[in-house]
Amino acid sequence: MPSQPEIYAKYADSTPVEKSARPSRISGPDTNAIGPHSVLRWDTINNRIYQRREYDANNHPVRDIDFTSPTFPRSGRMRPGHPRPPHQHRFYINDPKIGTTSGFIRGAAELLEQPD
């Protein structure tokens, strides 16, 4: 009997993303962009946006918006305590004493903040 594919994440409509079919990581910022901008991580298997990363005018990451949520690989069940998609992860300066040259860390998942 063939083994079941590992489910890595699910979209809000429960469409699964197999671990072996995850889209490539975001490569950014877009060096041709002028000012704040976003870069998309596109899921070519399911033909939709997997993730969006926002950058400020200085090309520093601001937040990721994830359009999937992680699952337990064997069962495909959503992970408890993780917000359903879409949700956001804000970026923080790694060491505020040093500043942006210390790099950025991605924060925990939180409910998506809607713009005013």
C-alpha atoms as a PDB file:
ATOM      1  CA  MET A   1       0.000   0.000   0.000  1.00  0.00           C
ATOM      2  CA  PRO A   2       1.483   3.392  -0.976  1.00  0.00           C
ATOM      3  CA  SER A   3       2.210   5.827   1.820  1.00  0.00           C
ATOM      4  CA  GLN A   4       0.143   8.979   2.171  1.00  0.00           C
ATOM      5  CA  PRO A   5       1.866  12.239   1.198  1.00  0.00           C
ATOM      6  CA  GLU A   6       2.851  14.458   4.112  1.00  0.00           C
ATOM      7  CA  ILE A   7       0.552  17.465   4.387  1.00  0.00           C
ATOM      8  CA  TYR A   8       2.597  20.526   5.376  1.00  0.00           C
ATOM      9  CA  ALA A   9      -0.133  23.176   5.514  1.00  0.00           C
ATOM     10  CA  LYS A  10      -3.714  23.975   4.534  1.00  0.00           C
ATOM     11  CA  TYR A  11      -5.412  26.977   3.013  1.00  0.00           C
ATOM     12  CA  ALA A  12      -8.518  28.491   4.635  1.00  0.00           C
ATOM     13  CA  ASP A  13     -10.736  26.344   2.381  1.00  0.00           C
ATOM     14  CA  SER A  14      -8.846  23.209   3.607  1.00  0.00           C
ATOM     15  CA  THR A  15      -6.913  22.723   0.348  1.00  0.00           C
ATOM     16  CA  PRO A  16      -3.779  20.833   1.419  1.00  0.00           C
ATOM     17  CA  VAL A  17      -0.178  21.685   0.545  1.00  0.00           C
ATOM     18  CA  GLU A  18       2.003  18.599   0.398  1.00  0.00           C
ATOM     19  CA  LYS A  19       5.426  18.905   1.978  1.00  0.00           C
ATOM     20  CA  SER A  20       7.108  17.915  -1.281  1.00  0.00           C
ATOM     21  CA  ALA A  21       5.154  20.590  -3.222  1.00  0.00           C
ATOM     22  CA  ARG A  22       5.848  23.651  -1.054  1.00  0.00           C
ATOM     23  CA  PRO A  23       6.644  26.753  -3.098  1.00  0.00           C
ATOM     24  CA  SER A  24      10.193  28.096  -3.142  1.00  0.00           C
ATOM     25  CA  ARG A  25      11.097  30.541  -0.386  1.00  0.00           C
ATOM     26  CA  ILE A  26      10.557  34.243  -0.936  1.00  0.00           C
ATOM     27  CA  SER A  27      13.479  35.958  -2.593  1.00  0.00           C
ATOM     28  CA  GLY A  28      13.398  39.622  -1.891  1.00  0.00           C
ATOM     29  CA  PRO A  29      13.228  42.476  -1.494  1.00  0.00           C
ATOM     30  CA  ASP A  30      12.648  43.511  -5.086  1.00  0.00           C
ATOM     31  CA  THR A  31      15.720  45.629  -5.801  1.00  0.00           C
ATOM     32  CA  ASN A  32      13.870  47.416  -8.623  1.00  0.00           C
ATOM     33  CA  ALA A  33      11.040  48.560  -6.338  1.00  0.00           C
ATOM     34  CA  ILE A  34      10.860  52.188  -5.266  1.00  0.00           C
ATOM     35  CA  GLY A  35       9.419  52.619  -1.777  1.00  0.00           C
ATOM     36  CA  PRO A  36       7.372  50.135   0.261  1.00  0.00           C
ATOM     37  CA  HIS A  37       6.432  47.011  -1.677  1.00  0.00           C
ATOM     38  CA  SER A  38       5.448  43.348  -1.425  1.00  0.00           C
ATOM     39  CA  VAL A  39       6.891  40.144  -2.849  1.00  0.00           C
ATOM     40  CA  LEU A  40       4.689  37.085  -3.396  1.00  0.00           C
ATOM     41  CA  ARG A  41       5.412  33.410  -2.830  1.00  0.00           C
ATOM     42  CA  TRP A  42       3.289  31.707  -5.472  1.00  0.00           C
ATOM     43  CA  ASP A  43       1.898  28.171  -5.176  1.00  0.00           C
ATOM     44  CA  THR A  44       1.982  26.864  -8.755  1.00  0.00           C
ATOM     45  CA  ILE A  45       0.390  23.525  -7.800  1.00  0.00           C
ATOM     46  CA  ASN A  46      -2.755  25.111  -6.318  1.00  0.00           C
ATOM     47  CA  ASN A  47      -2.496  28.265  -8.459  1.00  0.00           C
ATOM     48  CA  ARG A  48      -2.736  30.787  -5.627  1.00  0.00           C
ATOM     49  CA  ILE A  49      -0.705  33.020  -3.342  1.00  0.00           C
ATOM     50  CA  TYR A  50       0.995  31.058  -0.571  1.00  0.00           C
ATOM     51  CA  GLN A  51       2.623  33.996   1.235  1.00  0.00           C
ATOM     52  CA  ARG A  52       3.168  37.737   0.884  1.00  0.00           C
ATOM     53  CA  ARG A  53       6.138  39.599   2.394  1.00  0.00           C
ATOM     54  CA  GLU A  54       5.906  43.359   2.857  1.00  0.00           C
ATOM     55  CA  TYR A  55       8.994  45.582   2.819  1.00  0.00           C
ATOM     56  CA  ASP A  56       9.398  49.198   3.925  1.00  0.00           C
ATOM     57  CA  ALA A  57      10.994  51.992   1.873  1.00  0.00           C
ATOM     58  CA  ASN A  58      14.454  50.852   3.086  1.00  0.00           C
ATOM     59  CA  ASN A  59      13.868  47.269   1.873  1.00  0.00           C
ATOM     60  CA  HIS A  60      13.550  45.947   5.435  1.00  0.00           C
ATOM     61  CA  PRO A  61      10.949  43.209   6.007  1.00  0.00           C
ATOM     62  CA  VAL A  62       7.826  44.446   7.824  1.00  0.00           C
ATOM     63  CA  ARG A  63       5.541  41.398   7.932  1.00  0.00           C
ATOM     64  CA  ASP A  64       4.592  38.157   6.240  1.00  0.00           C
ATOM     65  CA  ILE A  65       0.998  37.368   5.494  1.00  0.00           C
ATOM     66  CA  ASP A  66       0.553  33.598   5.346  1.00  0.00           C
ATOM     67  CA  PHE A  67      -2.369  32.195   3.377  1.00  0.00           C
ATOM     68  CA  THR A  68      -1.892  28.726   4.872  1.00  0.00           C
ATOM     69  CA  SER A  69      -1.551  27.388   8.389  1.00  0.00           C
ATOM     70  CA  PRO A  70       0.773  24.546   9.402  1.00  0.00           C
ATOM     71  CA  THR A  71      -0.572  21.074  10.043  1.00  0.00           C
ATOM     72  CA  PHE A  72       0.584  17.888  11.708  1.00  0.00           C
ATOM     73  CA  PRO A  73       2.166  16.011   8.758  1.00  0.00           C
ATOM     74  CA  ARG A  74       0.739  12.545   9.337  1.00  0.00           C
ATOM     75  CA  SER A  75      -2.860  13.517  10.080  1.00  0.00           C
ATOM     76  CA  GLY A  76      -3.138  16.830   8.234  1.00  0.00           C
ATOM     77  CA  ARG A  77      -4.884  18.325  11.312  1.00  0.00           C
ATOM     78  CA  MET A  78      -4.383  22.020  11.957  1.00  0.00           C
ATOM     79  CA  ARG A  79      -1.939  22.843  14.754  1.00  0.00           C
ATOM     80  CA  PRO A  80      -3.728  24.057  17.894  1.00  0.00           C
ATOM     81  CA  GLY A  81      -3.231  27.678  18.899  1.00  0.00           C
ATOM     82  CA  HIS A  82      -2.108  28.751  15.432  1.00  0.00           C
ATOM     83  CA  PRO A  83      -4.403  31.320  13.768  1.00  0.00           C
ATOM     84  CA  ARG A  84      -6.303  30.212  10.694  1.00  0.00           C
ATOM     85  CA  PRO A  85      -5.255  31.787   7.411  1.00  0.00           C
ATOM     86  CA  PRO A  86      -4.723  34.451   6.490  1.00  0.00           C
ATOM     87  CA  HIS A  87      -2.612  35.513   9.462  1.00  0.00           C
ATOM     88  CA  GLN A  88       0.478  37.644   9.931  1.00  0.00           C
ATOM     89  CA  HIS A  89       4.006  37.403  11.302  1.00  0.00           C
ATOM     90  CA  ARG A  90       5.645  40.757  12.032  1.00  0.00           C
ATOM     91  CA  PHE A  91       9.386  41.233  11.709  1.00  0.00           C
ATOM     92  CA  TYR A  92      11.447  42.683  14.557  1.00  0.00           C
ATOM     93  CA  ILE A  93      15.016  43.946  14.657  1.00  0.00           C
ATOM     94  CA  ASN A  94      17.164  41.123  15.981  1.00  0.00           C
ATOM     95  CA  ASP A  95      19.136  43.344  18.369  1.00  0.00           C
ATOM     96  CA  PRO A  96      17.658  46.828  18.933  1.00  0.00           C
ATOM     97  CA  LYS A  97      20.967  48.023  20.466  1.00  0.00           C
ATOM     98  CA  ILE A  98      22.723  47.372  17.165  1.00  0.00           C
ATOM     99  CA  GLY A  99      19.869  48.290  14.838  1.00  0.00           C
ATOM    100  CA  THR A 100      18.942  46.983  11.429  1.00  0.00           C
ATOM    101  CA  THR A 101      22.446  45.696  10.693  1.00  0.00           C
ATOM    102  CA  SER A 102      21.770  42.943  13.258  1.00  0.00           C
ATOM    103  CA  GLY A 103      19.099  41.535  10.946  1.00  0.00           C
ATOM    104  CA  PHE A 104      15.451  40.737  11.535  1.00  0.00           C
ATOM    105  CA  ILE A 105      13.539  37.932  13.193  1.00  0.00           C
ATOM    106  CA  ARG A 106      10.063  36.784  12.234  1.00  0.00           C
ATOM    107  CA  GLY A 107       7.576  36.993  15.082  1.00  0.00           C
ATOM    108  CA  ALA A 108       4.903  34.542  16.146  1.00  0.00           C
ATOM    109  CA  ALA A 109       1.697  34.059  14.185  1.00  0.00           C
ATOM    110  CA  GLU A 110      -1.074  36.485  15.073  1.00  0.00           C
ATOM    111  CA  LEU A 111      -4.433  37.496  13.733  1.00  0.00           C
ATOM    112  CA  LEU A 112      -4.195  39.593  10.610  1.00  0.00           C
ATOM    113  CA  GLU A 113      -4.195  43.305  11.351  1.00  0.00           C
ATOM    114  CA  GLN A 114      -6.522  45.072   8.945  1.00  0.00           C
ATOM    115  CA  PRO A 115      -5.459  48.490   7.615  1.00  0.00           C
ATOM    116  CA  ASP A 116      -7.602  51.486   8.595  1.00  0.00           C
END
